[in-house]
Amino acid sequence: MLRLGLLLLLVPALGMMTGYMMEQSLIDACLDAGGSFDYAAEACDPVGNHAFVPFSVRNPLLVNGGMLLSTLGLFLCLGGLYVRRR
């Protein structure tokens, strides 16, 4: 139970961080080129200005699901540590 808990605790967090950092590198490259990043189309727009939309608003299933799985992993870790100590 402890191994499954650690897996559920770490893998979703790494997945969210990977998705965020990949998208952030696209945004940074767009801004360096002098454009504005269109968050709805996930593309660089050299002409228009676009408002910032947070990552959690654009990817609610990834963020909320990842947090739910990480919380479940935390409780499984706590349960695995508690059962072992008896």
Protein backbone atom coordinates (compact mmCIF):
# COMPACT_ATOMS: atom_id res chain seq x y z
CA MET A 1 0.00 0.00 0.00
CA LEU A 2 2.93 2.32 0.70
CA ARG A 3 4.43 1.87 -2.78
CA LEU A 4 1.11 2.55 -4.49
CA GLY A 5 0.65 5.62 -2.29
CA LEU A 6 4.08 6.98 -3.20
CA LEU A 7 3.39 6.35 -6.87
CA LEU A 8 0.05 8.18 -6.68
CA LEU A 9 1.64 10.98 -4.70
CA LEU A 10 4.49 11.66 -7.12
CA VAL A 11 3.39 10.75 -10.67
CA PRO A 12 0.44 13.19 -10.95
CA ALA A 13 2.55 16.04 -9.56
CA LEU A 14 5.32 15.29 -12.08
CA GLY A 15 2.73 15.14 -14.87
CA MET A 16 1.29 18.52 -13.94
CA MET A 17 4.73 20.09 -13.68
CA THR A 18 5.76 18.64 -17.04
CA GLY A 19 2.63 19.95 -18.77
CA TYR A 20 3.06 23.38 -17.20
CA MET A 21 6.75 23.68 -18.07
CA MET A 22 6.24 22.54 -21.68
CA GLU A 23 3.51 25.11 -22.17
CA GLN A 24 5.55 27.78 -20.41
CA SER A 25 8.45 27.23 -22.81
CA LEU A 26 6.08 27.81 -25.77
CA ILE A 27 4.78 31.00 -24.17
CA ASP A 28 8.30 32.24 -23.44
CA ALA A 29 9.43 31.59 -27.01
CA CYS A 30 6.41 33.47 -28.32
CA LEU A 31 7.02 36.47 -26.08
CA ASP A 32 10.73 36.50 -26.99
CA ALA A 33 9.74 36.65 -30.66
CA GLY A 34 7.61 39.74 -29.95
CA GLY A 35 4.22 38.08 -30.20
CA SER A 36 1.32 37.53 -27.86
CA PHE A 37 0.34 34.02 -26.83
CA ASP A 38 -3.27 33.09 -27.58
CA TYR A 39 -4.20 30.77 -24.72
CA ALA A 40 -7.47 29.64 -26.32
CA ALA A 41 -5.77 28.49 -29.52
CA GLU A 42 -2.49 27.62 -27.80
CA ALA A 43 -0.58 29.44 -30.53
CA CYS A 44 1.59 32.50 -30.94
CA ASP A 45 -0.13 35.52 -32.47
CA PRO A 46 2.31 38.10 -33.85
CA VAL A 47 -0.39 40.76 -34.32
CA GLY A 48 -3.01 40.81 -31.54
CA ASN A 49 -2.92 41.10 -27.76
CA HIS A 50 -4.46 38.35 -25.66
CA ALA A 51 -5.38 38.24 -22.00
CA PHE A 52 -3.66 35.84 -19.63
CA VAL A 53 -5.64 32.72 -18.73
CA PRO A 54 -4.26 30.65 -15.82
CA PHE A 55 -3.11 27.06 -16.38
CA SER A 56 -5.69 25.71 -13.93
CA VAL A 57 -8.53 27.37 -15.86
CA ARG A 58 -7.34 25.97 -19.18
CA ASN A 59 -6.64 22.45 -17.86
CA PRO A 60 -9.09 21.81 -15.02
CA LEU A 61 -9.20 18.03 -15.46
CA LEU A 62 -5.42 17.72 -15.36
CA VAL A 63 -5.02 19.95 -12.30
CA ASN A 64 -8.03 18.75 -10.29
CA GLY A 65 -7.52 15.10 -11.20
CA GLY A 66 -3.84 15.30 -10.39
CA MET A 67 -4.52 16.89 -7.04
CA LEU A 68 -7.17 14.28 -6.24
CA LEU A 69 -4.80 11.43 -7.09
CA SER A 70 -2.00 13.02 -5.08
CA THR A 71 -4.29 13.39 -2.06
CA LEU A 72 -5.34 9.76 -2.40
CA GLY A 73 -1.66 8.81 -2.58
CA LEU A 74 -0.96 10.79 0.58
CA PHE A 75 -3.68 8.95 2.48
CA LEU A 76 -2.46 5.59 1.18
CA CYS A 77 1.07 6.46 2.35
CA LEU A 78 -0.22 7.41 5.77
CA GLY A 79 -2.25 4.21 5.95
CA GLY A 80 0.72 2.11 4.85
CA LEU A 81 2.95 3.71 7.46
CA TYR A 82 0.33 3.29 10.17
CA VAL A 83 -0.30 -0.40 9.40
CA ARG A 84 3.44 -1.20 9.35
CA ARG A 85 4.07 0.41 12.73
CA ARG A 86 1.52 -1.74 14.60
